[in-house]
Amino acid sequence: MSDNSPYEAPESDISVSAGPTVLSIKEIYLSFEGRIPRKVYWLYGVLGLFIGTMLAIGVVFGLASVLGDWVGVLAIPVYIMVIWASLAIQVKRWHDRNKSGWWVLIGLIPIVGPIWQLVECGFLEGTPESNQFGPVPGNY
């Protein structure tokens, strides 16, 4: 129907969301954008970073007998990578709660901060619909 027939369906300007998004492992650990559900927070954040950190520390200390005093220099990039990944996961979890990533700083408040962060990020559900930080995270 090449000509503008009055019987043609009008073209729609409404955009339809593709549905829930699933982030890759690279995006989970390196990006500060998007949202992740509680399951991803616990699996990749708490459990994944803990196991990864323990393996990295084991390798660094295993090299201690060979490298001697240079072990501290080798440990610095490991610490930077762990801190970066941890912050990225926490920021995305705060985004799922429809809060700014700056809420990650609440963990710096002694005693109350880490408890608040654990409850908000680890136990409370995210917003059930799309928010300013992205669409609903998919099932992982």
C-alpha atoms as a PDB file:
ATOM      1  CA  MET A   1       0.000   0.000   0.000  1.00  0.00           C
ATOM      2  CA  SER A   2       2.206   2.706  -1.286  1.00  0.00           C
ATOM      3  CA  ASP A   3      -0.287   5.554  -1.384  1.00  0.00           C
ATOM      4  CA  ASN A   4      -1.795   7.031   1.763  1.00  0.00           C
ATOM      5  CA  SER A   5      -5.010   5.079   1.879  1.00  0.00           C
ATOM      6  CA  PRO A   6      -7.480   6.066   4.602  1.00  0.00           C
ATOM      7  CA  TYR A   7      -7.881   2.348   5.340  1.00  0.00           C
ATOM      8  CA  GLU A   8      -4.248   1.743   6.314  1.00  0.00           C
ATOM      9  CA  ALA A   9      -3.342   1.331   9.947  1.00  0.00           C
ATOM     10  CA  PRO A  10      -1.584   4.426  11.271  1.00  0.00           C
ATOM     11  CA  GLU A  11       2.085   4.165  12.120  1.00  0.00           C
ATOM     12  CA  SER A  12       2.728   4.080  15.815  1.00  0.00           C
ATOM     13  CA  ASP A  13       5.155   6.346  17.621  1.00  0.00           C
ATOM     14  CA  ILE A  14       4.912   4.281  20.792  1.00  0.00           C
ATOM     15  CA  SER A  15       8.129   2.517  21.728  1.00  0.00           C
ATOM     16  CA  VAL A  16       7.814  -0.860  23.359  1.00  0.00           C
ATOM     17  CA  SER A  17      10.304  -1.962  25.971  1.00  0.00           C
ATOM     18  CA  ALA A  18      12.214  -5.119  25.106  1.00  0.00           C
ATOM     19  CA  GLY A  19      11.515  -6.438  28.602  1.00  0.00           C
ATOM     20  CA  PRO A  20      13.869  -7.349  31.397  1.00  0.00           C
ATOM     21  CA  THR A  21      17.588  -6.890  30.787  1.00  0.00           C
ATOM     22  CA  VAL A  22      20.297  -9.367  31.645  1.00  0.00           C
ATOM     23  CA  LEU A  23      23.805  -7.999  32.127  1.00  0.00           C
ATOM     24  CA  SER A  24      26.962  -9.886  31.146  1.00  0.00           C
ATOM     25  CA  ILE A  25      29.579 -10.748  33.763  1.00  0.00           C
ATOM     26  CA  LYS A  26      31.769  -7.948  32.396  1.00  0.00           C
ATOM     27  CA  GLU A  27      28.940  -5.440  32.840  1.00  0.00           C
ATOM     28  CA  ILE A  28      28.179  -6.726  36.338  1.00  0.00           C
ATOM     29  CA  TYR A  29      31.737  -6.311  37.587  1.00  0.00           C
ATOM     30  CA  LEU A  30      32.925  -3.261  35.640  1.00  0.00           C
ATOM     31  CA  SER A  31      29.971  -0.985  34.846  1.00  0.00           C
ATOM     32  CA  PHE A  32      28.261   1.437  37.214  1.00  0.00           C
ATOM     33  CA  GLU A  33      25.109   1.610  35.073  1.00  0.00           C
ATOM     34  CA  GLY A  34      21.979  -0.491  35.205  1.00  0.00           C
ATOM     35  CA  ARG A  35      20.253  -2.571  37.845  1.00  0.00           C
ATOM     36  CA  ILE A  36      20.772  -6.012  39.352  1.00  0.00           C
ATOM     37  CA  PRO A  37      18.394  -8.081  41.487  1.00  0.00           C
ATOM     38  CA  ARG A  38      19.185  -9.498  44.928  1.00  0.00           C
ATOM     39  CA  LYS A  39      20.143 -12.901  43.510  1.00  0.00           C
ATOM     40  CA  VAL A  40      22.917 -11.367  41.400  1.00  0.00           C
ATOM     41  CA  TYR A  41      24.043  -9.236  44.341  1.00  0.00           C
ATOM     42  CA  TRP A  42      24.494 -12.311  46.516  1.00  0.00           C
ATOM     43  CA  LEU A  43      25.957 -14.643  43.855  1.00  0.00           C
ATOM     44  CA  TYR A  44      28.302 -12.291  42.031  1.00  0.00           C
ATOM     45  CA  GLY A  45      28.849  -9.676  44.718  1.00  0.00           C
ATOM     46  CA  VAL A  46      29.135 -11.433  48.013  1.00  0.00           C
ATOM     47  CA  LEU A  47      29.995 -15.005  47.018  1.00  0.00           C
ATOM     48  CA  GLY A  48      31.808 -14.305  43.733  1.00  0.00           C
ATOM     49  CA  LEU A  49      33.993 -11.494  45.042  1.00  0.00           C
ATOM     50  CA  PHE A  50      34.794 -13.453  48.198  1.00  0.00           C
ATOM     51  CA  ILE A  51      35.951 -16.525  46.277  1.00  0.00           C
ATOM     52  CA  GLY A  52      37.805 -14.407  43.706  1.00  0.00           C
ATOM     53  CA  THR A  53      39.545 -12.411  46.410  1.00  0.00           C
ATOM     54  CA  MET A  54      40.584 -15.540  48.295  1.00  0.00           C
ATOM     55  CA  LEU A  55      42.048 -17.058  45.112  1.00  0.00           C
ATOM     56  CA  ALA A  56      43.909 -13.842  44.285  1.00  0.00           C
ATOM     57  CA  ILE A  57      45.307 -13.576  47.809  1.00  0.00           C
ATOM     58  CA  GLY A  58      46.385 -17.215  47.617  1.00  0.00           C
ATOM     59  CA  VAL A  59      48.264 -16.541  44.382  1.00  0.00           C
ATOM     60  CA  VAL A  60      49.893 -13.395  45.792  1.00  0.00           C
ATOM     61  CA  PHE A  61      51.020 -15.170  48.952  1.00  0.00           C
ATOM     62  CA  GLY A  62      52.130 -18.152  46.890  1.00  0.00           C
ATOM     63  CA  LEU A  63      54.426 -15.802  44.993  1.00  0.00           C
ATOM     64  CA  ALA A  64      55.690 -14.291  48.255  1.00  0.00           C
ATOM     65  CA  SER A  65      58.487 -16.825  48.565  1.00  0.00           C
ATOM     66  CA  VAL A  66      59.655 -16.006  45.041  1.00  0.00           C
ATOM     67  CA  LEU A  67      59.177 -12.238  45.006  1.00  0.00           C
ATOM     68  CA  GLY A  68      59.918 -11.359  48.605  1.00  0.00           C
ATOM     69  CA  ASP A  69      59.237  -7.685  49.313  1.00  0.00           C
ATOM     70  CA  TRP A  70      57.572  -7.113  45.942  1.00  0.00           C
ATOM     71  CA  VAL A  71      54.406  -8.940  47.081  1.00  0.00           C
ATOM     72  CA  GLY A  72      52.911  -5.707  48.407  1.00  0.00           C
ATOM     73  CA  VAL A  73      53.362  -4.052  45.024  1.00  0.00           C
ATOM     74  CA  LEU A  74      51.707  -7.028  43.340  1.00  0.00           C
ATOM     75  CA  ALA A  75      48.776  -6.914  45.784  1.00  0.00           C
ATOM     76  CA  ILE A  76      47.851  -3.294  44.973  1.00  0.00           C
ATOM     77  CA  PRO A  77      46.265  -4.030  41.547  1.00  0.00           C
ATOM     78  CA  VAL A  78      44.362  -6.935  43.110  1.00  0.00           C
ATOM     79  CA  TYR A  79      42.913  -4.658  45.785  1.00  0.00           C
ATOM     80  CA  ILE A  80      41.981  -2.019  43.190  1.00  0.00           C
ATOM     81  CA  MET A  81      40.149  -4.596  41.047  1.00  0.00           C
ATOM     82  CA  VAL A  82      38.233  -5.978  44.041  1.00  0.00           C
ATOM     83  CA  ILE A  83      37.214  -2.511  45.247  1.00  0.00           C
ATOM     84  CA  TRP A  84      36.104  -1.481  41.734  1.00  0.00           C
ATOM     85  CA  ALA A  85      33.998  -4.630  41.246  1.00  0.00           C
ATOM     86  CA  SER A  86      32.493  -4.328  44.721  1.00  0.00           C
ATOM     87  CA  LEU A  87      31.499  -0.700  44.160  1.00  0.00           C
ATOM     88  CA  ALA A  88      30.035  -1.486  40.721  1.00  0.00           C
ATOM     89  CA  ILE A  89      27.839  -4.242  42.141  1.00  0.00           C
ATOM     90  CA  GLN A  90      26.698  -2.136  45.089  1.00  0.00           C
ATOM     91  CA  VAL A  91      25.850   0.873  42.907  1.00  0.00           C
ATOM     92  CA  LYS A  92      23.744  -1.278  40.580  1.00  0.00           C
ATOM     93  CA  ARG A  93      21.914  -2.753  43.567  1.00  0.00           C
ATOM     94  CA  TRP A  94      21.162   0.742  44.909  1.00  0.00           C
ATOM     95  CA  HIS A  95      19.882   1.601  41.426  1.00  0.00           C
ATOM     96  CA  ASP A  96      17.494  -1.353  41.636  1.00  0.00           C
ATOM     97  CA  ARG A  97      16.154   0.168  44.873  1.00  0.00           C
ATOM     98  CA  ASN A  98      15.600   3.401  42.850  1.00  0.00           C
ATOM     99  CA  LYS A  99      18.278   5.266  44.775  1.00  0.00           C
ATOM    100  CA  SER A 100      21.418   7.014  43.642  1.00  0.00           C
ATOM    101  CA  GLY A 101      24.669   5.082  43.573  1.00  0.00           C
ATOM    102  CA  TRP A 102      26.031   7.595  46.073  1.00  0.00           C
ATOM    103  CA  TRP A 103      24.091   5.686  48.737  1.00  0.00           C
ATOM    104  CA  VAL A 104      27.035   3.278  48.694  1.00  0.00           C
ATOM    105  CA  LEU A 105      28.771   5.805  50.958  1.00  0.00           C
ATOM    106  CA  ILE A 106      26.355   4.981  53.770  1.00  0.00           C
ATOM    107  CA  GLY A 107      28.520   1.931  54.396  1.00  0.00           C
ATOM    108  CA  LEU A 108      31.212   4.269  55.730  1.00  0.00           C
ATOM    109  CA  ILE A 109      29.099   5.214  58.754  1.00  0.00           C
ATOM    110  CA  PRO A 110      30.319   3.027  61.649  1.00  0.00           C
ATOM    111  CA  ILE A 111      28.010   0.201  62.788  1.00  0.00           C
ATOM    112  CA  VAL A 112      24.729   1.614  61.396  1.00  0.00           C
ATOM    113  CA  GLY A 113      25.945   2.065  57.791  1.00  0.00           C
ATOM    114  CA  PRO A 114      26.902  -1.539  56.990  1.00  0.00           C
ATOM    115  CA  ILE A 115      23.720  -2.848  58.643  1.00  0.00           C
ATOM    116  CA  TRP A 116      21.573  -0.408  56.639  1.00  0.00           C
ATOM    117  CA  GLN A 117      23.390  -1.359  53.440  1.00  0.00           C
ATOM    118  CA  LEU A 118      22.969  -5.075  54.126  1.00  0.00           C
ATOM    119  CA  VAL A 119      19.224  -4.695  54.706  1.00  0.00           C
ATOM    120  CA  GLU A 120      18.627  -2.395  51.704  1.00  0.00           C
ATOM    121  CA  CYS A 121      20.806  -4.214  49.186  1.00  0.00           C
ATOM    122  CA  GLY A 122      20.658  -7.764  50.455  1.00  0.00           C
ATOM    123  CA  PHE A 123      17.102  -8.272  51.648  1.00  0.00           C
ATOM    124  CA  LEU A 124      14.701  -5.641  50.250  1.00  0.00           C
ATOM    125  CA  GLU A 125      13.190  -6.010  46.772  1.00  0.00           C
ATOM    126  CA  GLY A 126      13.966  -3.591  43.993  1.00  0.00           C
ATOM    127  CA  THR A 127      11.350  -1.488  42.277  1.00  0.00           C
ATOM    128  CA  PRO A 128       9.045  -3.784  40.276  1.00  0.00           C
ATOM    129  CA  GLU A 129       8.879  -1.464  37.260  1.00  0.00           C
ATOM    130  CA  SER A 130      11.381   0.486  35.184  1.00  0.00           C
ATOM    131  CA  ASN A 131      12.928   3.427  36.978  1.00  0.00           C
ATOM    132  CA  GLN A 132      15.334   6.246  36.145  1.00  0.00           C
ATOM    133  CA  PHE A 133      18.269   3.814  36.260  1.00  0.00           C
ATOM    134  CA  GLY A 134      16.959   1.330  33.718  1.00  0.00           C
ATOM    135  CA  PRO A 135      14.449  -1.395  32.982  1.00  0.00           C
ATOM    136  CA  VAL A 136      13.589  -4.215  35.330  1.00  0.00           C
ATOM    137  CA  PRO A 137      16.540  -6.612  35.671  1.00  0.00           C
ATOM    138  CA  GLY A 138      15.992 -10.023  34.120  1.00  0.00           C
ATOM    139  CA  ASN A 139      16.059 -13.434  35.718  1.00  0.00           C
ATOM    140  CA  TYR A 140      19.564 -14.760  36.107  1.00  0.00           C
END
